[in-house]
């Protein structure tokens, strides 16, 4: 398992983390992991456009249009 060291944590934030950990009956380390897991689930997955089939050349304009279309579709 990997380790992560956090430095220069503001005292107020450390105190809030300690209280949250106590409220959830966790260590501060486990509370940080729970918070990260919860927050990272909120991020959107990356969707790639359907691959181009055949020997059609892909222009830079097509790439830009496809990226914009994918962004607009998955908002």
PDB file of N, CA and C in Angstrom:
ATOM      1  N   UNK A   1       0.845  -1.176   0.000  1.00  0.00           N
ATOM      2  CA  UNK A   1       0.000   0.000   0.000  1.00  0.00           C
ATOM      3  C   UNK A   1       0.891   1.240   0.000  1.00  0.00           C
ATOM      4  N   UNK A   2       0.488   2.247  -0.722  1.00  0.00           N
ATOM      5  CA  UNK A   2       1.265   3.475  -0.845  1.00  0.00           C
ATOM      6  C   UNK A   2       1.044   4.387   0.343  1.00  0.00           C
ATOM      7  N   UNK A   3       1.991   5.266   0.543  1.00  0.00           N
ATOM      8  CA  UNK A   3       1.898   6.252   1.621  1.00  0.00           C
ATOM      9  C   UNK A   3       1.877   7.649   1.014  1.00  0.00           C
ATOM     10  N   UNK A   4       1.205   8.548   1.691  1.00  0.00           N
ATOM     11  CA  UNK A   4       1.125   9.939   1.270  1.00  0.00           C
ATOM     12  C   UNK A   4       1.333  10.806   2.500  1.00  0.00           C
ATOM     13  N   UNK A   5       2.237  11.746   2.409  1.00  0.00           N
ATOM     14  CA  UNK A   5       2.501  12.646   3.529  1.00  0.00           C
ATOM     15  C   UNK A   5       1.937  14.020   3.172  1.00  0.00           C
ATOM     16  N   UNK A   6       1.109  14.551   4.047  1.00  0.00           N
ATOM     17  CA  UNK A   6       0.560  15.893   3.856  1.00  0.00           C
ATOM     18  C   UNK A   6       1.300  16.850   4.788  1.00  0.00           C
ATOM     19  N   UNK A   7       1.733  17.948   4.244  1.00  0.00           N
ATOM     20  CA  UNK A   7       2.463  18.935   5.034  1.00  0.00           C
ATOM     21  C   UNK A   7       1.719  20.261   5.025  1.00  0.00           C
ATOM     22  N   UNK A   8       1.983  21.047   6.018  1.00  0.00           N
ATOM     23  CA  UNK A   8       1.439  22.409   6.117  1.00  0.00           C
ATOM     24  C   UNK A   8      -0.093  22.436   6.102  1.00  0.00           C
ATOM     25  N   UNK A   9      -0.703  21.479   6.770  1.00  0.00           N
ATOM     26  CA  UNK A   9      -2.162  21.464   6.878  1.00  0.00           C
ATOM     27  C   UNK A   9      -2.559  22.546   7.870  1.00  0.00           C
ATOM     28  N   UNK A  10      -3.432  23.447   7.474  1.00  0.00           N
ATOM     29  CA  UNK A  10      -3.871  24.488   8.408  1.00  0.00           C
ATOM     30  C   UNK A  10      -4.488  23.855   9.660  1.00  0.00           C
ATOM     31  N   UNK A  11      -4.211  24.450  10.786  1.00  0.00           N
ATOM     32  CA  UNK A  11      -4.670  23.908  12.067  1.00  0.00           C
ATOM     33  C   UNK A  11      -6.188  23.747  12.101  1.00  0.00           C
ATOM     34  N   UNK A  12      -6.909  24.704  11.536  1.00  0.00           N
ATOM     35  CA  UNK A  12      -8.374  24.628  11.523  1.00  0.00           C
ATOM     36  C   UNK A  12      -8.828  23.399  10.740  1.00  0.00           C
ATOM     37  N   UNK A  13      -8.208  23.151   9.607  1.00  0.00           N
ATOM     38  CA  UNK A  13      -8.557  21.994   8.788  1.00  0.00           C
ATOM     39  C   UNK A  13      -8.226  20.692   9.508  1.00  0.00           C
ATOM     40  N   UNK A  14      -7.075  20.632  10.156  1.00  0.00           N
ATOM     41  CA  UNK A  14      -6.684  19.439  10.901  1.00  0.00           C
ATOM     42  C   UNK A  14      -7.671  19.169  12.034  1.00  0.00           C
ATOM     43  N   UNK A  15      -8.103  20.225  12.699  1.00  0.00           N
ATOM     44  CA  UNK A  15      -9.061  20.094  13.789  1.00  0.00           C
ATOM     45  C   UNK A  15     -10.407  19.576  13.266  1.00  0.00           C
ATOM     46  N   UNK A  16     -10.866  20.113  12.145  1.00  0.00           N
ATOM     47  CA  UNK A  16     -12.134  19.649  11.551  1.00  0.00           C
ATOM     48  C   UNK A  16     -12.040  18.190  11.144  1.00  0.00           C
ATOM     49  N   UNK A  17     -10.890  17.802  10.588  1.00  0.00           N
ATOM     50  CA  UNK A  17     -10.672  16.415  10.195  1.00  0.00           C
ATOM     51  C   UNK A  17     -10.711  15.497  11.414  1.00  0.00           C
ATOM     52  N   UNK A  18     -10.097  15.925  12.481  1.00  0.00           N
ATOM     53  CA  UNK A  18     -10.081  15.136  13.714  1.00  0.00           C
ATOM     54  C   UNK A  18     -11.503  14.937  14.244  1.00  0.00           C
ATOM     55  N   UNK A  19     -12.303  15.994  14.225  1.00  0.00           N
ATOM     56  CA  UNK A  19     -13.689  15.902  14.704  1.00  0.00           C
ATOM     57  C   UNK A  19     -14.497  14.959  13.810  1.00  0.00           C
ATOM     58  N   UNK A  20     -14.353  15.097  12.485  1.00  0.00           N
ATOM     59  CA  UNK A  20     -15.076  14.224  11.564  1.00  0.00           C
ATOM     60  C   UNK A  20     -14.671  12.766  11.765  1.00  0.00           C
ATOM     61  N   UNK A  21     -13.389  12.528  11.955  1.00  0.00           N
ATOM     62  CA  UNK A  21     -12.904  11.162  12.185  1.00  0.00           C
ATOM     63  C   UNK A  21     -13.520  10.587  13.460  1.00  0.00           C
ATOM     64  N   UNK A  22     -13.558  11.378  14.507  1.00  0.00           N
ATOM     65  CA  UNK A  22     -14.164  10.926  15.764  1.00  0.00           C
ATOM     66  C   UNK A  22     -15.654  10.648  15.578  1.00  0.00           C
ATOM     67  N   UNK A  23     -16.342  11.516  14.853  1.00  0.00           N
ATOM     68  CA  UNK A  23     -17.777  11.327  14.618  1.00  0.00           C
ATOM     69  C   UNK A  23     -18.081  10.042  13.854  1.00  0.00           C
ATOM     70  N   UNK A  24     -17.165   9.644  12.978  1.00  0.00           N
ATOM     71  CA  UNK A  24     -17.357   8.436  12.179  1.00  0.00           C
ATOM     72  C   UNK A  24     -16.627   7.227  12.756  1.00  0.00           C
ATOM     73  N   UNK A  25     -16.042   7.398  13.937  1.00  0.00           N
ATOM     74  CA  UNK A  25     -15.300   6.317  14.613  1.00  0.00           C
ATOM     75  C   UNK A  25     -14.189   5.767  13.718  1.00  0.00           C
ATOM     76  N   UNK A  26     -13.424   6.695  13.144  1.00  0.00           N
ATOM     77  CA  UNK A  26     -12.311   6.327  12.275  1.00  0.00           C
ATOM     78  C   UNK A  26     -11.056   7.028  12.757  1.00  0.00           C
ATOM     79  N   UNK A  27      -9.924   6.529  12.278  1.00  0.00           N
ATOM     80  CA  UNK A  27      -8.677   7.264  12.473  1.00  0.00           C
ATOM     81  C   UNK A  27      -8.689   8.441  11.502  1.00  0.00           C
ATOM     82  N   UNK A  28      -7.805   9.399  11.732  1.00  0.00           N
ATOM     83  CA  UNK A  28      -7.726  10.531  10.807  1.00  0.00           C
ATOM     84  C   UNK A  28      -7.301  10.051   9.421  1.00  0.00           C
ATOM     85  N   UNK A  29      -6.392   9.091   9.374  1.00  0.00           N
ATOM     86  CA  UNK A  29      -5.943   8.538   8.100  1.00  0.00           C
ATOM     87  C   UNK A  29      -7.111   7.922   7.337  1.00  0.00           C
ATOM     88  N   UNK A  30      -7.909   7.100   8.026  1.00  0.00           N
ATOM     89  CA  UNK A  30      -9.044   6.446   7.377  1.00  0.00           C
ATOM     90  C   UNK A  30     -10.097   7.466   6.955  1.00  0.00           C
ATOM     91  N   UNK A  31     -10.255   8.532   7.727  1.00  0.00           N
ATOM     92  CA  UNK A  31     -11.208   9.587   7.373  1.00  0.00           C
ATOM     93  C   UNK A  31     -10.777  10.291   6.090  1.00  0.00           C
ATOM     94  N   UNK A  32      -9.492  10.574   5.956  1.00  0.00           N
ATOM     95  CA  UNK A  32      -8.982  11.208   4.731  1.00  0.00           C
ATOM     96  C   UNK A  32      -9.246  10.300   3.535  1.00  0.00           C
ATOM     97  N   UNK A  33      -8.997   9.006   3.683  1.00  0.00           N
ATOM     98  CA  UNK A  33      -9.239   8.064   2.585  1.00  0.00           C
ATOM     99  C   UNK A  33     -10.720   8.047   2.225  1.00  0.00           C
ATOM    100  N   UNK A  34     -11.595   8.025   3.219  1.00  0.00           N
ATOM    101  CA  UNK A  34     -13.045   8.015   2.961  1.00  0.00           C
ATOM    102  C   UNK A  34     -13.474   9.276   2.223  1.00  0.00           C
ATOM    103  N   UNK A  35     -12.944  10.421   2.631  1.00  0.00           N
ATOM    104  CA  UNK A  35     -13.284  11.691   1.970  1.00  0.00           C
ATOM    105  C   UNK A  35     -12.804  11.677   0.520  1.00  0.00           C
ATOM    106  N   UNK A  36     -11.585  11.227   0.290  1.00  0.00           N
ATOM    107  CA  UNK A  36     -11.053  11.176  -1.073  1.00  0.00           C
ATOM    108  C   UNK A  36     -11.866  10.223  -1.945  1.00  0.00           C
ATOM    109  N   UNK A  37     -12.197   9.054  -1.406  1.00  0.00           N
ATOM    110  CA  UNK A  37     -12.999   8.103  -2.184  1.00  0.00           C
ATOM    111  C   UNK A  37     -14.348   8.708  -2.557  1.00  0.00           C
ATOM    112  N   UNK A  38     -14.991   9.365  -1.610  1.00  0.00           N
ATOM    113  CA  UNK A  38     -16.297   9.972  -1.849  1.00  0.00           C
ATOM    114  C   UNK A  38     -16.204  11.069  -2.911  1.00  0.00           C
ATOM    115  N   UNK A  39     -15.205  11.914  -2.807  1.00  0.00           N
ATOM    116  CA  UNK A  39     -15.070  13.043  -3.735  1.00  0.00           C
ATOM    117  C   UNK A  39     -14.635  12.610  -5.119  1.00  0.00           C
ATOM    118  N   UNK A  40     -13.778  11.618  -5.197  1.00  0.00           N
ATOM    119  CA  UNK A  40     -13.275  11.194  -6.501  1.00  0.00           C
ATOM    120  C   UNK A  40     -14.330  10.444  -7.298  1.00  0.00           C
ATOM    121  N   UNK A  41     -15.329   9.891  -6.653  1.00  0.00           N
ATOM    122  CA  UNK A  41     -16.424   9.231  -7.356  1.00  0.00           C
ATOM    123  C   UNK A  41     -17.224  10.260  -8.145  1.00  0.00           C
ATOM    124  N   UNK A  42     -17.216  11.501  -7.708  1.00  0.00           N
ATOM    125  CA  UNK A  42     -17.984  12.560  -8.359  1.00  0.00           C
ATOM    126  C   UNK A  42     -17.417  12.969  -9.709  1.00  0.00           C
ATOM    127  N   UNK A  43     -16.170  12.634  -9.967  1.00  0.00           N
ATOM    128  CA  UNK A  43     -15.566  13.045 -11.236  1.00  0.00           C
ATOM    129  C   UNK A  43     -16.185  12.262 -12.377  1.00  0.00           C
ATOM    130  N   UNK A  44     -16.311  12.901 -13.505  1.00  0.00           N
ATOM    131  CA  UNK A  44     -16.930  12.275 -14.674  1.00  0.00           C
ATOM    132  C   UNK A  44     -15.949  11.363 -15.385  1.00  0.00           C
ATOM    133  N   UNK A  45     -16.436  10.232 -15.872  1.00  0.00           N
ATOM    134  CA  UNK A  45     -15.560   9.368 -16.674  1.00  0.00           C
ATOM    135  C   UNK A  45     -15.280  10.022 -18.018  1.00  0.00           C
ATOM    136  N   UNK A  46     -14.218   9.611 -18.638  1.00  0.00           N
ATOM    137  CA  UNK A  46     -13.851  10.131 -19.952  1.00  0.00           C
ATOM    138  C   UNK A  46     -14.510   9.262 -21.016  1.00  0.00           C
ATOM    139  N   UNK A  47     -15.223   9.896 -21.934  1.00  0.00           N
ATOM    140  CA  UNK A  47     -15.854   9.182 -23.034  1.00  0.00           C
ATOM    141  C   UNK A  47     -15.122   9.528 -24.320  1.00  0.00           C
ATOM    142  N   UNK A  48     -14.728   8.512 -25.035  1.00  0.00           N
ATOM    143  CA  UNK A  48     -14.028   8.718 -26.288  1.00  0.00           C
ATOM    144  C   UNK A  48     -15.012   8.554 -27.442  1.00  0.00           C
ATOM    145  N   UNK A  49     -14.825   9.313 -28.509  1.00  0.00           N
ATOM    146  CA  UNK A  49     -15.725   9.183 -29.656  1.00  0.00           C
ATOM    147  C   UNK A  49     -15.582   7.807 -30.305  1.00  0.00           C
ATOM    148  N   UNK A  50     -16.599   7.433 -31.046  1.00  0.00           N
ATOM    149  CA  UNK A  50     -16.577   6.170 -31.768  1.00  0.00           C
ATOM    150  C   UNK A  50     -15.411   6.189 -32.760  1.00  0.00           C
ATOM    151  N   UNK A  51     -14.638   5.103 -32.800  1.00  0.00           N
ATOM    152  CA  UNK A  51     -13.498   5.085 -33.718  1.00  0.00           C
ATOM    153  C   UNK A  51     -13.941   5.219 -35.178  1.00  0.00           C
ATOM    154  N   UNK A  52     -13.091   5.830 -35.965  1.00  0.00           N
ATOM    155  CA  UNK A  52     -13.352   5.989 -37.391  1.00  0.00           C
ATOM    156  C   UNK A  52     -12.941   4.694 -38.079  1.00  0.00           C
ATOM    157  N   UNK A  53     -13.858   4.142 -38.872  1.00  0.00           N
ATOM    158  CA  UNK A  53     -13.564   2.889 -39.558  1.00  0.00           C
ATOM    159  C   UNK A  53     -13.179   3.177 -41.001  1.00  0.00           C
ATOM    160  N   UNK A  54     -12.385   2.334 -41.551  1.00  0.00           N
ATOM    161  CA  UNK A  54     -11.978   2.487 -42.940  1.00  0.00           C
ATOM    162  C   UNK A  54     -10.680   3.257 -43.066  1.00  0.00           C
ATOM    163  N   UNK A  55     -10.400   3.701 -44.284  1.00  0.00           N
ATOM    164  CA  UNK A  55      -9.144   4.391 -44.545  1.00  0.00           C
ATOM    165  C   UNK A  55      -9.341   5.891 -44.642  1.00  0.00           C
ATOM    166  N   UNK A  56     -10.376   6.373 -44.004  1.00  0.00           N
ATOM    167  CA  UNK A  56     -10.661   7.799 -44.022  1.00  0.00           C
ATOM    168  C   UNK A  56      -9.586   8.544 -43.213  1.00  0.00           C
ATOM    169  N   UNK A  57      -9.041   9.603 -43.791  1.00  0.00           N
ATOM    170  CA  UNK A  57      -8.036  10.368 -43.057  1.00  0.00           C
ATOM    171  C   UNK A  57      -8.741  11.257 -42.025  1.00  0.00           C
ATOM    172  N   UNK A  58      -8.077  11.467 -40.931  1.00  0.00           N
ATOM    173  CA  UNK A  58      -8.628  12.275 -39.844  1.00  0.00           C
ATOM    174  C   UNK A  58      -7.937  13.631 -39.871  1.00  0.00           C
ATOM    175  N   UNK A  59      -8.734  14.674 -40.067  1.00  0.00           N
ATOM    176  CA  UNK A  59      -8.174  16.024 -40.124  1.00  0.00           C
ATOM    177  C   UNK A  59      -8.175  16.636 -38.730  1.00  0.00           C
ATOM    178  N   UNK A  60      -7.331  17.631 -38.517  1.00  0.00           N
ATOM    179  CA  UNK A  60      -7.342  18.331 -37.224  1.00  0.00           C
ATOM    180  C   UNK A  60      -8.711  18.953 -36.917  1.00  0.00           C
ATOM    181  N   UNK A  61      -9.392  19.421 -37.957  1.00  0.00           N
ATOM    182  CA  UNK A  61     -10.721  20.010 -37.754  1.00  0.00           C
ATOM    183  C   UNK A  61     -11.704  18.967 -37.240  1.00  0.00           C
ATOM    184  N   UNK A  62     -11.638  17.745 -37.793  1.00  0.00           N
ATOM    185  CA  UNK A  62     -12.517  16.676 -37.354  1.00  0.00           C
ATOM    186  C   UNK A  62     -12.265  16.341 -35.883  1.00  0.00           C
ATOM    187  N   UNK A  63     -10.993  16.311 -35.492  1.00  0.00           N
ATOM    188  CA  UNK A  63     -10.636  16.015 -34.104  1.00  0.00           C
ATOM    189  C   UNK A  63     -11.243  17.061 -33.176  1.00  0.00           C
ATOM    190  N   UNK A  64     -11.090  18.334 -33.507  1.00  0.00           N
ATOM    191  CA  UNK A  64     -11.625  19.416 -32.680  1.00  0.00           C
ATOM    192  C   UNK A  64     -13.145  19.323 -32.594  1.00  0.00           C
ATOM    193  N   UNK A  65     -13.802  19.107 -33.719  1.00  0.00           N
ATOM    194  CA  UNK A  65     -15.264  18.995 -33.727  1.00  0.00           C
ATOM    195  C   UNK A  65     -15.736  17.808 -32.895  1.00  0.00           C
ATOM    196  N   UNK A  66     -15.044  16.693 -32.995  1.00  0.00           N
ATOM    197  CA  UNK A  66     -15.428  15.495 -32.257  1.00  0.00           C
ATOM    198  C   UNK A  66     -15.261  15.698 -30.759  1.00  0.00           C
ATOM    199  N   UNK A  67     -14.180  16.340 -30.356  1.00  0.00           N
ATOM    200  CA  UNK A  67     -13.954  16.623 -28.932  1.00  0.00           C
ATOM    201  C   UNK A  67     -15.035  17.557 -28.404  1.00  0.00           C
ATOM    202  N   UNK A  68     -15.334  18.607 -29.142  1.00  0.00           N
ATOM    203  CA  UNK A  68     -16.387  19.544 -28.710  1.00  0.00           C
ATOM    204  C   UNK A  68     -17.743  18.849 -28.610  1.00  0.00           C
ATOM    205  N   UNK A  69     -18.037  18.013 -29.596  1.00  0.00           N
ATOM    206  CA  UNK A  69     -19.309  17.289 -29.595  1.00  0.00           C
ATOM    207  C   UNK A  69     -19.393  16.361 -28.380  1.00  0.00           C
ATOM    208  N   UNK A  70     -18.311  15.672 -28.068  1.00  0.00           N
ATOM    209  CA  UNK A  70     -18.293  14.770 -26.922  1.00  0.00           C
ATOM    210  C   UNK A  70     -18.450  15.535 -25.617  1.00  0.00           C
ATOM    211  N   UNK A  71     -17.803  16.682 -25.494  1.00  0.00           N
ATOM    212  CA  UNK A  71     -17.937  17.515 -24.285  1.00  0.00           C
ATOM    213  C   UNK A  71     -19.369  17.974 -24.101  1.00  0.00           C
ATOM    214  N   UNK A  72     -20.004  18.433 -25.202  1.00  0.00           N
ATOM    215  CA  UNK A  72     -21.373  18.925 -25.134  1.00  0.00           C
ATOM    216  C   UNK A  72     -22.358  17.815 -24.800  1.00  0.00           C
ATOM    217  N   UNK A  73     -22.097  16.624 -25.297  1.00  0.00           N
ATOM    218  CA  UNK A  73     -22.982  15.483 -25.092  1.00  0.00           C
ATOM    219  C   UNK A  73     -22.943  15.002 -23.651  1.00  0.00           C
ATOM    220  N   UNK A  74     -21.784  15.073 -22.990  1.00  0.00           N
ATOM    221  CA  UNK A  74     -21.615  14.467 -21.662  1.00  0.00           C
ATOM    222  C   UNK A  74     -21.562  15.477 -20.535  1.00  0.00           C
ATOM    223  N   UNK A  75     -22.169  16.612 -20.711  1.00  0.00           N
ATOM    224  CA  UNK A  75     -22.169  17.618 -19.635  1.00  0.00           C
ATOM    225  C   UNK A  75     -23.221  17.300 -18.620  1.00  0.00           C
TER     226      UNK A  75
END
